[in-house]
Amino acid sequence: MDKKTIVLVAHDAKKTDILEWADFNRGTLKSFEIYGTQTTGQVLQSKLDLNIHLLKSGPWGGDSQIAAMIVENRVDILVFFWDPLTPQPHDVDVKALLRLAVLYNIPIACNRATADYIISSPLSTF
């Protein structure tokens, strides 16, 4: 049985939030195939015992790589803690990523409360 795929992404101001969330859910996350943008993934790998496939950093094409994975039906859950208070140089990529996740009916968690609901749902795991 194939593992479900979860993608973890966080803007710089939200790295601590996603680290705390991933640490709390470390046991559950180990049952997933995990992908992350380079900076987020490196933060999580350095602090937690998780195997994370690293993509490019968001501004360097990582958001577009995730969008392509969504179009190829390779993403089951997207956890994207984005910063609503800071303009991003790659806002267009972020918007495209979120648009495709909605279009392809991918569950998206943009904050810890939603991420907790999704990861604890019996629909999230086999």
PDB file of N, CA and C in Angstrom:
ATOM      1  N   MET A   1       0.845  -1.183   0.000  1.00  0.00           N
ATOM      2  CA  MET A   1       0.000   0.000   0.000  1.00  0.00           C
ATOM      3  C   MET A   1       0.890   1.245   0.000  1.00  0.00           C
ATOM      4  N   ASP A   2       0.626   2.160  -0.925  1.00  0.00           N
ATOM      5  CA  ASP A   2       1.414   3.380  -1.024  1.00  0.00           C
ATOM      6  C   ASP A   2       1.058   4.340   0.104  1.00  0.00           C
ATOM      7  N   LYS A   3       2.077   5.064   0.551  1.00  0.00           N
ATOM      8  CA  LYS A   3       1.845   6.105   1.545  1.00  0.00           C
ATOM      9  C   LYS A   3       1.182   7.294   0.874  1.00  0.00           C
ATOM     10  N   LYS A   4       0.382   8.017   1.637  1.00  0.00           N
ATOM     11  CA  LYS A   4      -0.141   9.288   1.137  1.00  0.00           C
ATOM     12  C   LYS A   4       0.979  10.321   1.191  1.00  0.00           C
ATOM     13  N   THR A   5       0.859  11.324   0.348  1.00  0.00           N
ATOM     14  CA  THR A   5       1.882  12.365   0.256  1.00  0.00           C
ATOM     15  C   THR A   5       1.377  13.654   0.881  1.00  0.00           C
ATOM     16  N   ILE A   6       2.208  14.204   1.758  1.00  0.00           N
ATOM     17  CA  ILE A   6       1.915  15.489   2.387  1.00  0.00           C
ATOM     18  C   ILE A   6       3.052  16.450   2.032  1.00  0.00           C
ATOM     19  N   VAL A   7       2.693  17.686   1.729  1.00  0.00           N
ATOM     20  CA  VAL A   7       3.688  18.709   1.409  1.00  0.00           C
ATOM     21  C   VAL A   7       3.647  19.762   2.512  1.00  0.00           C
ATOM     22  N   LEU A   8       4.817  20.090   3.046  1.00  0.00           N
ATOM     23  CA  LEU A   8       4.935  21.060   4.133  1.00  0.00           C
ATOM     24  C   LEU A   8       5.706  22.285   3.643  1.00  0.00           C
ATOM     25  N   VAL A   9       5.083  23.446   3.783  1.00  0.00           N
ATOM     26  CA  VAL A   9       5.669  24.708   3.329  1.00  0.00           C
ATOM     27  C   VAL A   9       5.341  25.777   4.363  1.00  0.00           C
ATOM     28  N   ALA A  10       6.288  26.679   4.603  1.00  0.00           N
ATOM     29  CA  ALA A  10       6.010  27.808   5.496  1.00  0.00           C
ATOM     30  C   ALA A  10       6.855  29.003   5.087  1.00  0.00           C
ATOM     31  N   HIS A  11       6.240  30.155   5.067  1.00  0.00           N
ATOM     32  CA  HIS A  11       7.001  31.382   4.868  1.00  0.00           C
ATOM     33  C   HIS A  11       7.889  31.595   6.094  1.00  0.00           C
ATOM     34  N   ASP A  12       8.900  32.432   5.959  1.00  0.00           N
ATOM     35  CA  ASP A  12       9.897  32.601   7.019  1.00  0.00           C
ATOM     36  C   ASP A  12       9.285  32.920   8.377  1.00  0.00           C
ATOM     37  N   ALA A  13       8.313  33.816   8.417  1.00  0.00           N
ATOM     38  CA  ALA A  13       7.698  34.204   9.689  1.00  0.00           C
ATOM     39  C   ALA A  13       6.872  33.081  10.310  1.00  0.00           C
ATOM     40  N   LYS A  14       6.626  32.019   9.554  1.00  0.00           N
ATOM     41  CA  LYS A  14       5.797  30.904  10.026  1.00  0.00           C
ATOM     42  C   LYS A  14       6.600  29.612  10.220  1.00  0.00           C
ATOM     43  N   LYS A  15       7.931  29.677  10.074  1.00  0.00           N
ATOM     44  CA  LYS A  15       8.760  28.473  10.218  1.00  0.00           C
ATOM     45  C   LYS A  15       8.635  27.872  11.619  1.00  0.00           C
ATOM     46  N   THR A  16       8.632  28.709  12.638  1.00  0.00           N
ATOM     47  CA  THR A  16       8.498  28.202  14.005  1.00  0.00           C
ATOM     48  C   THR A  16       7.155  27.519  14.189  1.00  0.00           C
ATOM     49  N   ASP A  17       6.096  28.086  13.628  1.00  0.00           N
ATOM     50  CA  ASP A  17       4.759  27.488  13.743  1.00  0.00           C
ATOM     51  C   ASP A  17       4.714  26.100  13.117  1.00  0.00           C
ATOM     52  N   ILE A  18       5.271  25.956  11.917  1.00  0.00           N
ATOM     53  CA  ILE A  18       5.205  24.652  11.257  1.00  0.00           C
ATOM     54  C   ILE A  18       6.125  23.652  11.959  1.00  0.00           C
ATOM     55  N   LEU A  19       7.242  24.124  12.502  1.00  0.00           N
ATOM     56  CA  LEU A  19       8.138  23.248  13.252  1.00  0.00           C
ATOM     57  C   LEU A  19       7.440  22.705  14.497  1.00  0.00           C
ATOM     58  N   GLU A  20       6.772  23.580  15.234  1.00  0.00           N
ATOM     59  CA  GLU A  20       6.044  23.142  16.433  1.00  0.00           C
ATOM     60  C   GLU A  20       4.924  22.176  16.064  1.00  0.00           C
ATOM     61  N   TRP A  21       4.204  22.464  14.973  1.00  0.00           N
ATOM     62  CA  TRP A  21       3.124  21.582  14.536  1.00  0.00           C
ATOM     63  C   TRP A  21       3.670  20.220  14.121  1.00  0.00           C
ATOM     64  N   ALA A  22       4.737  20.219  13.331  1.00  0.00           N
ATOM     65  CA  ALA A  22       5.325  18.960  12.856  1.00  0.00           C
ATOM     66  C   ALA A  22       5.896  18.154  14.019  1.00  0.00           C
ATOM     67  N   ASP A  23       6.492  18.821  14.992  1.00  0.00           N
ATOM     68  CA  ASP A  23       7.017  18.121  16.167  1.00  0.00           C
ATOM     69  C   ASP A  23       5.880  17.443  16.926  1.00  0.00           C
ATOM     70  N   PHE A  24       4.787  18.160  17.120  1.00  0.00           N
ATOM     71  CA  PHE A  24       3.626  17.604  17.825  1.00  0.00           C
ATOM     72  C   PHE A  24       3.047  16.404  17.071  1.00  0.00           C
ATOM     73  N   ASN A  25       3.083  16.439  15.744  1.00  0.00           N
ATOM     74  CA  ASN A  25       2.487  15.391  14.900  1.00  0.00           C
ATOM     75  C   ASN A  25       3.531  14.467  14.274  1.00  0.00           C
ATOM     76  N   ARG A  26       4.722  14.435  14.832  1.00  0.00           N
ATOM     77  CA  ARG A  26       5.833  13.672  14.264  1.00  0.00           C
ATOM     78  C   ARG A  26       5.480  12.206  14.018  1.00  0.00           C
ATOM     79  N   GLY A  27       4.857  11.567  14.976  1.00  0.00           N
ATOM     80  CA  GLY A  27       4.497  10.153  14.825  1.00  0.00           C
ATOM     81  C   GLY A  27       3.567   9.915  13.649  1.00  0.00           C
ATOM     82  N   THR A  28       2.567  10.750  13.514  1.00  0.00           N
ATOM     83  CA  THR A  28       1.623  10.623  12.397  1.00  0.00           C
ATOM     84  C   THR A  28       2.304  10.944  11.073  1.00  0.00           C
ATOM     85  N   LEU A  29       3.145  11.958  11.055  1.00  0.00           N
ATOM     86  CA  LEU A  29       3.823  12.356   9.817  1.00  0.00           C
ATOM     87  C   LEU A  29       4.716  11.246   9.269  1.00  0.00           C
ATOM     88  N   LYS A  30       5.255  10.404  10.140  1.00  0.00           N
ATOM     89  CA  LYS A  30       6.132   9.321   9.686  1.00  0.00           C
ATOM     90  C   LYS A  30       5.398   8.320   8.800  1.00  0.00           C
ATOM     91  N   SER A  31       4.068   8.334   8.835  1.00  0.00           N
ATOM     92  CA  SER A  31       3.309   7.414   7.980  1.00  0.00           C
ATOM     93  C   SER A  31       3.058   8.005   6.587  1.00  0.00           C
ATOM     94  N   PHE A  32       3.543   9.217   6.341  1.00  0.00           N
ATOM     95  CA  PHE A  32       3.367   9.900   5.058  1.00  0.00           C
ATOM     96  C   PHE A  32       4.681   9.953   4.285  1.00  0.00           C
ATOM     97  N   GLU A  33       4.564  10.093   2.984  1.00  0.00           N
ATOM     98  CA  GLU A  33       5.681  10.505   2.140  1.00  0.00           C
ATOM     99  C   GLU A  33       5.674  12.025   2.241  1.00  0.00           C
ATOM    100  N   ILE A  34       6.767  12.620   2.715  1.00  0.00           N
ATOM    101  CA  ILE A  34       6.789  14.052   3.011  1.00  0.00           C
ATOM    102  C   ILE A  34       7.673  14.798   2.012  1.00  0.00           C
ATOM    103  N   TYR A  35       7.127  15.871   1.471  1.00  0.00           N
ATOM    104  CA  TYR A  35       7.870  16.785   0.613  1.00  0.00           C
ATOM    105  C   TYR A  35       7.831  18.158   1.265  1.00  0.00           C
ATOM    106  N   GLY A  36       8.843  18.961   0.993  1.00  0.00           N
ATOM    107  CA  GLY A  36       8.855  20.321   1.501  1.00  0.00           C
ATOM    108  C   GLY A  36       9.739  21.197   0.646  1.00  0.00           C
ATOM    109  N   THR A  37       9.465  22.481   0.682  1.00  0.00           N
ATOM    110  CA  THR A  37      10.373  23.394   0.008  1.00  0.00           C
ATOM    111  C   THR A  37      11.703  23.359   0.761  1.00  0.00           C
ATOM    112  N   GLN A  38      12.760  23.751   0.101  1.00  0.00           N
ATOM    113  CA  GLN A  38      14.102  23.561   0.640  1.00  0.00           C
ATOM    114  C   GLN A  38      14.290  24.146   2.032  1.00  0.00           C
ATOM    115  N   THR A  39      13.958  25.406   2.206  1.00  0.00           N
ATOM    116  CA  THR A  39      14.208  26.043   3.493  1.00  0.00           C
ATOM    117  C   THR A  39      13.345  25.435   4.589  1.00  0.00           C
ATOM    118  N   THR A  40      12.066  25.265   4.326  1.00  0.00           N
ATOM    119  CA  THR A  40      11.174  24.651   5.315  1.00  0.00           C
ATOM    120  C   THR A  40      11.620  23.228   5.609  1.00  0.00           C
ATOM    121  N   GLY A  41      11.893  22.461   4.572  1.00  0.00           N
ATOM    122  CA  GLY A  41      12.309  21.072   4.752  1.00  0.00           C
ATOM    123  C   GLY A  41      13.589  20.945   5.549  1.00  0.00           C
ATOM    124  N   GLN A  42      14.551  21.820   5.293  1.00  0.00           N
ATOM    125  CA  GLN A  42      15.813  21.775   6.032  1.00  0.00           C
ATOM    126  C   GLN A  42      15.612  22.108   7.505  1.00  0.00           C
ATOM    127  N   VAL A  43      14.753  23.074   7.795  1.00  0.00           N
ATOM    128  CA  VAL A  43      14.451  23.404   9.189  1.00  0.00           C
ATOM    129  C   VAL A  43      13.854  22.185   9.889  1.00  0.00           C
ATOM    130  N   LEU A  44      12.893  21.532   9.237  1.00  0.00           N
ATOM    131  CA  LEU A  44      12.235  20.371   9.840  1.00  0.00           C
ATOM    132  C   LEU A  44      13.201  19.197   9.985  1.00  0.00           C
ATOM    133  N   GLN A  45      14.024  18.943   8.975  1.00  0.00           N
ATOM    134  CA  GLN A  45      14.978  17.836   9.048  1.00  0.00           C
ATOM    135  C   GLN A  45      16.022  18.058  10.133  1.00  0.00           C
ATOM    136  N   SER A  46      16.456  19.298  10.322  1.00  0.00           N
ATOM    137  CA  SER A  46      17.499  19.571  11.310  1.00  0.00           C
ATOM    138  C   SER A  46      16.994  19.414  12.744  1.00  0.00           C
ATOM    139  N   LYS A  47      15.702  19.570  12.946  1.00  0.00           N
ATOM    140  CA  LYS A  47      15.143  19.515  14.300  1.00  0.00           C
ATOM    141  C   LYS A  47      14.384  18.225  14.602  1.00  0.00           C
ATOM    142  N   LEU A  48      13.867  17.571  13.573  1.00  0.00           N
ATOM    143  CA  LEU A  48      13.007  16.404  13.777  1.00  0.00           C
ATOM    144  C   LEU A  48      13.565  15.206  13.018  1.00  0.00           C
ATOM    145  N   ASP A  49      13.206  14.035  13.445  1.00  0.00           N
ATOM    146  CA  ASP A  49      13.660  12.811  12.777  1.00  0.00           C
ATOM    147  C   ASP A  49      12.661  12.440  11.685  1.00  0.00           C
ATOM    148  N   LEU A  50      12.611  13.257  10.630  1.00  0.00           N
ATOM    149  CA  LEU A  50      11.687  13.019   9.526  1.00  0.00           C
ATOM    150  C   LEU A  50      12.456  12.994   8.209  1.00  0.00           C
ATOM    151  N   ASN A  51      12.084  12.075   7.335  1.00  0.00           N
ATOM    152  CA  ASN A  51      12.667  12.020   5.998  1.00  0.00           C
ATOM    153  C   ASN A  51      11.819  12.906   5.087  1.00  0.00           C
ATOM    154  N   ILE A  52      12.413  13.980   4.597  1.00  0.00           N
ATOM    155  CA  ILE A  52      11.679  14.950   3.778  1.00  0.00           C
ATOM    156  C   ILE A  52      12.373  15.087   2.428  1.00  0.00           C
ATOM    157  N   HIS A  53      11.611  14.899   1.362  1.00  0.00           N
ATOM    158  CA  HIS A  53      12.124  15.131   0.014  1.00  0.00           C
ATOM    159  C   HIS A  53      12.141  16.639  -0.213  1.00  0.00           C
ATOM    160  N   LEU A  54      13.319  17.180  -0.454  1.00  0.00           N
ATOM    161  CA  LEU A  54      13.456  18.629  -0.597  1.00  0.00           C
ATOM    162  C   LEU A  54      13.255  19.075  -2.038  1.00  0.00           C
ATOM    163  N   LEU A  55      12.399  20.068  -2.194  1.00  0.00           N
ATOM    164  CA  LEU A  55      12.190  20.729  -3.479  1.00  0.00           C
ATOM    165  C   LEU A  55      12.969  22.040  -3.444  1.00  0.00           C
ATOM    166  N   LYS A  56      12.873  22.838  -4.469  1.00  0.00           N
ATOM    167  CA  LYS A  56      13.518  24.150  -4.475  1.00  0.00           C
ATOM    168  C   LYS A  56      12.850  25.048  -3.434  1.00  0.00           C
ATOM    169  N   SER A  57      13.557  26.072  -3.024  1.00  0.00           N
ATOM    170  CA  SER A  57      12.970  27.084  -2.155  1.00  0.00           C
ATOM    171  C   SER A  57      11.813  27.749  -2.908  1.00  0.00           C
ATOM    172  N   GLY A  58      10.798  28.183  -2.175  1.00  0.00           N
ATOM    173  CA  GLY A  58       9.608  28.771  -2.800  1.00  0.00           C
ATOM    174  C   GLY A  58       9.897  29.802  -3.878  1.00  0.00           C
ATOM    175  N   PRO A  59      10.673  30.857  -3.566  1.00  0.00           N
ATOM    176  CA  PRO A  59      10.944  31.883  -4.565  1.00  0.00           C
ATOM    177  C   PRO A  59      11.799  31.392  -5.742  1.00  0.00           C
ATOM    178  N   TRP A  60      12.443  30.256  -5.577  1.00  0.00           N
ATOM    179  CA  TRP A  60      13.310  29.699  -6.621  1.00  0.00           C
ATOM    180  C   TRP A  60      12.619  28.593  -7.405  1.00  0.00           C
ATOM    181  N   GLY A  61      11.293  28.510  -7.292  1.00  0.00           N
ATOM    182  CA  GLY A  61      10.545  27.546  -8.090  1.00  0.00           C
ATOM    183  C   GLY A  61       9.897  26.429  -7.305  1.00  0.00           C
ATOM    184  N   GLY A  62      10.114  26.390  -6.005  1.00  0.00           N
ATOM    185  CA  GLY A  62       9.536  25.324  -5.187  1.00  0.00           C
ATOM    186  C   GLY A  62       8.019  25.311  -5.203  1.00  0.00           C
ATOM    187  N   ASP A  63       7.405  26.496  -5.158  1.00  0.00           N
ATOM    188  CA  ASP A  63       5.940  26.562  -5.215  1.00  0.00           C
ATOM    189  C   ASP A  63       5.436  26.009  -6.547  1.00  0.00           C
ATOM    190  N   SER A  64       6.170  26.297  -7.606  1.00  0.00           N
ATOM    191  CA  SER A  64       5.789  25.789  -8.930  1.00  0.00           C
ATOM    192  C   SER A  64       5.986  24.277  -9.018  1.00  0.00           C
ATOM    193  N   GLN A  65       7.032  23.759  -8.366  1.00  0.00           N
ATOM    194  CA  GLN A  65       7.227  22.306  -8.335  1.00  0.00           C
ATOM    195  C   GLN A  65       6.058  21.622  -7.630  1.00  0.00           C
ATOM    196  N   ILE A  66       5.615  22.199  -6.527  1.00  0.00           N
ATOM    197  CA  ILE A  66       4.478  21.632  -5.798  1.00  0.00           C
ATOM    198  C   ILE A  66       3.225  21.707  -6.661  1.00  0.00           C
ATOM    199  N   ALA A  67       3.030  22.834  -7.335  1.00  0.00           N
ATOM    200  CA  ALA A  67       1.870  22.976  -8.222  1.00  0.00           C
ATOM    201  C   ALA A  67       1.885  21.888  -9.294  1.00  0.00           C
ATOM    202  N   ALA A  68       3.060  21.610  -9.856  1.00  0.00           N
ATOM    203  CA  ALA A  68       3.168  20.547 -10.863  1.00  0.00           C
ATOM    204  C   ALA A  68       2.832  19.187 -10.257  1.00  0.00           C
ATOM    205  N   MET A  69       3.277  18.948  -9.028  1.00  0.00           N
ATOM    206  CA  MET A  69       2.948  17.684  -8.354  1.00  0.00           C
ATOM    207  C   MET A  69       1.438  17.549  -8.176  1.00  0.00           C
ATOM    208  N   ILE A  70       0.770  18.653  -7.858  1.00  0.00           N
ATOM    209  CA  ILE A  70      -0.686  18.631  -7.691  1.00  0.00           C
ATOM    210  C   ILE A  70      -1.358  18.253  -9.006  1.00  0.00           C
ATOM    211  N   VAL A  71      -0.938  18.878 -10.093  1.00  0.00           N
ATOM    212  CA  VAL A  71      -1.519  18.603 -11.409  1.00  0.00           C
ATOM    213  C   VAL A  71      -1.305  17.136 -11.797  1.00  0.00           C
ATOM    214  N   GLU A  72      -0.189  16.558 -11.356  1.00  0.00           N
ATOM    215  CA  GLU A  72       0.125  15.151 -11.646  1.00  0.00           C
ATOM    216  C   GLU A  72      -0.508  14.189 -10.637  1.00  0.00           C
ATOM    217  N   ASN A  73      -1.392  14.702  -9.773  1.00  0.00           N
ATOM    218  CA  ASN A  73      -2.070  13.894  -8.740  1.00  0.00           C
ATOM    219  C   ASN A  73      -1.091  13.203  -7.801  1.00  0.00           C
ATOM    220  N   ARG A  74      -0.029  13.916  -7.412  1.00  0.00           N
ATOM    221  CA  ARG A  74       0.982  13.362  -6.524  1.00  0.00           C
ATOM    222  C   ARG A  74       0.951  13.983  -5.133  1.00  0.00           C
ATOM    223  N   VAL A  75      -0.074  14.775  -4.828  1.00  0.00           N
ATOM    224  CA  VAL A  75      -0.191  15.415  -3.515  1.00  0.00           C
ATOM    225  C   VAL A  75      -1.548  15.071  -2.928  1.00  0.00           C
ATOM    226  N   ASP A  76      -1.540  14.601  -1.679  1.00  0.00           N
ATOM    227  CA  ASP A  76      -2.796  14.302  -0.983  1.00  0.00           C
ATOM    228  C   ASP A  76      -3.192  15.406  -0.009  1.00  0.00           C
ATOM    229  N   ILE A  77      -2.200  16.041   0.610  1.00  0.00           N
ATOM    230  CA  ILE A  77      -2.456  17.095   1.601  1.00  0.00           C
ATOM    231  C   ILE A  77      -1.395  18.179   1.437  1.00  0.00           C
ATOM    232  N   LEU A  78      -1.823  19.434   1.487  1.00  0.00           N
ATOM    233  CA  LEU A  78      -0.901  20.565   1.453  1.00  0.00           C
ATOM    234  C   LEU A  78      -1.021  21.331   2.765  1.00  0.00           C
ATOM    235  N   VAL A  79       0.084  21.415   3.494  1.00  0.00           N
ATOM    236  CA  VAL A  79       0.153  22.239   4.703  1.00  0.00           C
ATOM    237  C   VAL A  79       1.050  23.422   4.346  1.00  0.00           C
ATOM    238  N   PHE A  80       0.443  24.582   4.228  1.00  0.00           N
ATOM    239  CA  PHE A  80       1.158  25.782   3.789  1.00  0.00           C
ATOM    240  C   PHE A  80       0.857  26.901   4.774  1.00  0.00           C
ATOM    241  N   PHE A  81       1.758  27.105   5.726  1.00  0.00           N
ATOM    242  CA  PHE A  81       1.613  28.188   6.686  1.00  0.00           C
ATOM    243  C   PHE A  81       2.203  29.450   6.044  1.00  0.00           C
ATOM    244  N   TRP A  82       1.329  30.208   5.356  1.00  0.00           N
ATOM    245  CA  TRP A  82       1.793  31.411   4.676  1.00  0.00           C
ATOM    246  C   TRP A  82       1.601  32.621   5.572  1.00  0.00           C
ATOM    247  N   ASP A  83       2.421  33.615   5.323  1.00  0.00           N
ATOM    248  CA  ASP A  83       2.433  34.828   6.132  1.00  0.00           C
ATOM    249  C   ASP A  83       1.505  35.872   5.518  1.00  0.00           C
ATOM    250  N   PRO A  84       0.359  36.145   6.160  1.00  0.00           N
ATOM    251  CA  PRO A  84      -0.592  37.099   5.592  1.00  0.00           C
ATOM    252  C   PRO A  84      -0.188  38.564   5.795  1.00  0.00           C
ATOM    253  N   LEU A  85       0.877  38.804   6.558  1.00  0.00           N
ATOM    254  CA  LEU A  85       1.252  40.182   6.877  1.00  0.00           C
ATOM    255  C   LEU A  85       2.462  40.701   6.103  1.00  0.00           C
ATOM    256  N   THR A  86       3.127  39.823   5.375  1.00  0.00           N
ATOM    257  CA  THR A  86       4.340  40.225   4.669  1.00  0.00           C
ATOM    258  C   THR A  86       4.212  39.938   3.181  1.00  0.00           C
ATOM    259  N   PRO A  87       4.380  40.955   2.335  1.00  0.00           N
ATOM    260  CA  PRO A  87       4.358  40.700   0.889  1.00  0.00           C
ATOM    261  C   PRO A  87       5.518  39.774   0.509  1.00  0.00           C
ATOM    262  N   GLN A  88       5.261  38.857  -0.401  1.00  0.00           N
ATOM    263  CA  GLN A  88       6.275  37.906  -0.846  1.00  0.00           C
ATOM    264  C   GLN A  88       6.674  38.235  -2.283  1.00  0.00           C
ATOM    265  N   PRO A  89       7.958  38.087  -2.616  1.00  0.00           N
ATOM    266  CA  PRO A  89       8.387  38.385  -3.989  1.00  0.00           C
ATOM    267  C   PRO A  89       7.797  37.414  -5.011  1.00  0.00           C
ATOM    268  N   HIS A  90       7.322  36.284  -4.527  1.00  0.00           N
ATOM    269  CA  HIS A  90       6.766  35.259  -5.421  1.00  0.00           C
ATOM    270  C   HIS A  90       5.271  35.055  -5.172  1.00  0.00           C
ATOM    271  N   ASP A  91       4.578  36.157  -4.836  1.00  0.00           N
ATOM    272  CA  ASP A  91       3.132  36.082  -4.554  1.00  0.00           C
ATOM    273  C   ASP A  91       2.337  35.419  -5.681  1.00  0.00           C
ATOM    274  N   VAL A  92       2.744  35.659  -6.917  1.00  0.00           N
ATOM    275  CA  VAL A  92       2.012  35.058  -8.044  1.00  0.00           C
ATOM    276  C   VAL A  92       2.128  33.538  -8.013  1.00  0.00           C
ATOM    277  N   ASP A  93       3.294  33.027  -7.639  1.00  0.00           N
ATOM    278  CA  ASP A  93       3.478  31.574  -7.545  1.00  0.00           C
ATOM    279  C   ASP A  93       2.639  30.996  -6.412  1.00  0.00           C
ATOM    280  N   VAL A  94       2.599  31.718  -5.297  1.00  0.00           N
ATOM    281  CA  VAL A  94       1.800  31.276  -4.152  1.00  0.00           C
ATOM    282  C   VAL A  94       0.328  31.213  -4.546  1.00  0.00           C
ATOM    283  N   LYS A  95      -0.147  32.266  -5.211  1.00  0.00           N
ATOM    284  CA  LYS A  95      -1.547  32.295  -5.640  1.00  0.00           C
ATOM    285  C   LYS A  95      -1.844  31.155  -6.611  1.00  0.00           C
ATOM    286  N   ALA A  96      -0.937  30.895  -7.541  1.00  0.00           N
ATOM    287  CA  ALA A  96      -1.129  29.799  -8.502  1.00  0.00           C
ATOM    288  C   ALA A  96      -1.161  28.452  -7.785  1.00  0.00           C
ATOM    289  N   LEU A  97      -0.284  28.276  -6.810  1.00  0.00           N
ATOM    290  CA  LEU A  97      -0.254  27.028  -6.039  1.00  0.00           C
ATOM    291  C   LEU A  97      -1.574  26.813  -5.307  1.00  0.00           C
ATOM    292  N   LEU A  98      -2.041  27.825  -4.615  1.00  0.00           N
ATOM    293  CA  LEU A  98      -3.298  27.702  -3.874  1.00  0.00           C
ATOM    294  C   LEU A  98      -4.482  27.498  -4.819  1.00  0.00           C
ATOM    295  N   ARG A  99      -4.465  28.173  -5.963  1.00  0.00           N
ATOM    296  CA  ARG A  99      -5.534  28.003  -6.951  1.00  0.00           C
ATOM    297  C   ARG A  99      -5.588  26.566  -7.443  1.00  0.00           C
ATOM    298  N   LEU A 100      -4.445  25.987  -7.761  1.00  0.00           N
ATOM    299  CA  LEU A 100      -4.421  24.606  -8.252  1.00  0.00           C
ATOM    300  C   LEU A 100      -4.822  23.612  -7.167  1.00  0.00           C
ATOM    301  N   ALA A 101      -4.416  23.881  -5.927  1.00  0.00           N
ATOM    302  CA  ALA A 101      -4.821  22.991  -4.834  1.00  0.00           C
ATOM    303  C   ALA A 101      -6.341  22.983  -4.689  1.00  0.00           C
ATOM    304  N   VAL A 102      -6.963  24.146  -4.811  1.00  0.00           N
ATOM    305  CA  VAL A 102      -8.430  24.221  -4.750  1.00  0.00           C
ATOM    306  C   VAL A 102      -9.036  23.541  -5.972  1.00  0.00           C
ATOM    307  N   LEU A 103      -8.509  23.828  -7.150  1.00  0.00           N
ATOM    308  CA  LEU A 103      -9.027  23.261  -8.391  1.00  0.00           C
ATOM    309  C   LEU A 103      -8.980  21.731  -8.379  1.00  0.00           C
ATOM    310  N   TYR A 104      -7.907  21.164  -7.815  1.00  0.00           N
ATOM    311  CA  TYR A 104      -7.739  19.710  -7.782  1.00  0.00           C
ATOM    312  C   TYR A 104      -8.247  19.080  -6.484  1.00  0.00           C
ATOM    313  N   ASN A 105      -8.957  19.875  -5.687  1.00  0.00           N
ATOM    314  CA  ASN A 105      -9.607  19.374  -4.476  1.00  0.00           C
ATOM    315  C   ASN A 105      -8.620  18.786  -3.464  1.00  0.00           C
ATOM    316  N   ILE A 106      -7.489  19.455  -3.283  1.00  0.00           N
ATOM    317  CA  ILE A 106      -6.480  19.036  -2.313  1.00  0.00           C
ATOM    318  C   ILE A 106      -6.773  19.738  -0.988  1.00  0.00           C
ATOM    319  N   PRO A 107      -6.859  18.994   0.117  1.00  0.00           N
ATOM    320  CA  PRO A 107      -7.035  19.657   1.415  1.00  0.00           C
ATOM    321  C   PRO A 107      -5.833  20.570   1.696  1.00  0.00           C
ATOM    322  N   ILE A 108      -6.130  21.802   2.078  1.00  0.00           N
ATOM    323  CA  ILE A 108      -5.088  22.799   2.346  1.00  0.00           C
ATOM    324  C   ILE A 108      -5.230  23.283   3.786  1.00  0.00           C
ATOM    325  N   ALA A 109      -4.122  23.231   4.516  1.00  0.00           N
ATOM    326  CA  ALA A 109      -4.100  23.799   5.861  1.00  0.00           C
ATOM    327  C   ALA A 109      -3.191  25.017   5.834  1.00  0.00           C
ATOM    328  N   CYS A 110      -3.746  26.168   6.175  1.00  0.00           N
ATOM    329  CA  CYS A 110      -2.963  27.401   6.176  1.00  0.00           C
ATOM    330  C   CYS A 110      -2.629  27.870   7.586  1.00  0.00           C
ATOM    331  N   ASN A 111      -3.079  27.127   8.586  1.00  0.00           N
ATOM    332  CA  ASN A 111      -2.759  27.450   9.973  1.00  0.00           C
ATOM    333  C   ASN A 111      -2.817  26.165  10.803  1.00  0.00           C
ATOM    334  N   ARG A 112      -2.365  26.251  12.038  1.00  0.00           N
ATOM    335  CA  ARG A 112      -2.260  25.061  12.879  1.00  0.00           C
ATOM    336  C   ARG A 112      -3.619  24.422  13.151  1.00  0.00           C
ATOM    337  N   ALA A 113      -4.640  25.213  13.378  1.00  0.00           N
ATOM    338  CA  ALA A 113      -5.961  24.647  13.679  1.00  0.00           C
ATOM    339  C   ALA A 113      -6.445  23.766  12.532  1.00  0.00           C
ATOM    340  N   THR A 114      -6.333  24.273  11.311  1.00  0.00           N
ATOM    341  CA  THR A 114      -6.773  23.492  10.152  1.00  0.00           C
ATOM    342  C   THR A 114      -5.866  22.287   9.937  1.00  0.00           C
ATOM    343  N   ALA A 115      -4.569  22.465  10.109  1.00  0.00           N
ATOM    344  CA  ALA A 115      -3.633  21.344   9.956  1.00  0.00           C
ATOM    345  C   ALA A 115      -3.952  20.239  10.957  1.00  0.00           C
ATOM    346  N   ASP A 116      -4.308  20.612  12.188  1.00  0.00           N
ATOM    347  CA  ASP A 116      -4.684  19.609  13.198  1.00  0.00           C
ATOM    348  C   ASP A 116      -5.936  18.848  12.781  1.00  0.00           C
ATOM    349  N   TYR A 117      -6.926  19.549  12.260  1.00  0.00           N
ATOM    350  CA  TYR A 117      -8.146  18.876  11.794  1.00  0.00           C
ATOM    351  C   TYR A 117      -7.837  17.891  10.673  1.00  0.00           C
ATOM    352  N   ILE A 118      -7.048  18.324   9.710  1.00  0.00           N
ATOM    353  CA  ILE A 118      -6.763  17.473   8.557  1.00  0.00           C
ATOM    354  C   ILE A 118      -5.936  16.256   8.955  1.00  0.00           C
ATOM    355  N   ILE A 119      -4.862  16.470   9.710  1.00  0.00           N
ATOM    356  CA  ILE A 119      -3.956  15.362  10.039  1.00  0.00           C
ATOM    357  C   ILE A 119      -4.621  14.349  10.970  1.00  0.00           C
ATOM    358  N   SER A 120      -5.591  14.792  11.759  1.00  0.00           N
ATOM    359  CA  SER A 120      -6.262  13.872  12.685  1.00  0.00           C
ATOM    360  C   SER A 120      -7.485  13.199  12.066  1.00  0.00           C
ATOM    361  N   SER A 121      -7.840  13.584  10.855  1.00  0.00           N
ATOM    362  CA  SER A 121      -8.994  12.983  10.186  1.00  0.00           C
ATOM    363  C   SER A 121      -8.685  11.550   9.771  1.00  0.00           C
ATOM    364  N   PRO A 122      -9.635  10.639   9.963  1.00  0.00           N
ATOM    365  CA  PRO A 122      -9.422   9.266   9.487  1.00  0.00           C
ATOM    366  C   PRO A 122      -9.279   9.210   7.966  1.00  0.00           C
ATOM    367  N   LEU A 123      -9.709  10.241   7.259  1.00  0.00           N
ATOM    368  CA  LEU A 123      -9.569  10.278   5.804  1.00  0.00           C
ATOM    369  C   LEU A 123      -8.135  10.597   5.368  1.00  0.00           C
ATOM    370  N   SER A 124      -7.301  11.062   6.307  1.00  0.00           N
ATOM    371  CA  SER A 124      -5.934  11.455   5.966  1.00  0.00           C
ATOM    372  C   SER A 124      -4.977  10.280   5.854  1.00  0.00           C
ATOM    373  N   THR A 125      -5.313   9.172   6.459  1.00  0.00           N
ATOM    374  CA  THR A 125      -4.430   8.007   6.420  1.00  0.00           C
ATOM    375  C   THR A 125      -5.202   6.804   5.916  1.00  0.00           C
ATOM    376  N   PHE A 126      -4.470   5.797   5.505  1.00  0.00           N
ATOM    377  CA  PHE A 126      -5.120   4.573   5.013  1.00  0.00           C
ATOM    378  C   PHE A 126      -5.585   3.731   6.171  1.00  0.00           C
TER     379      PHE A 126
END
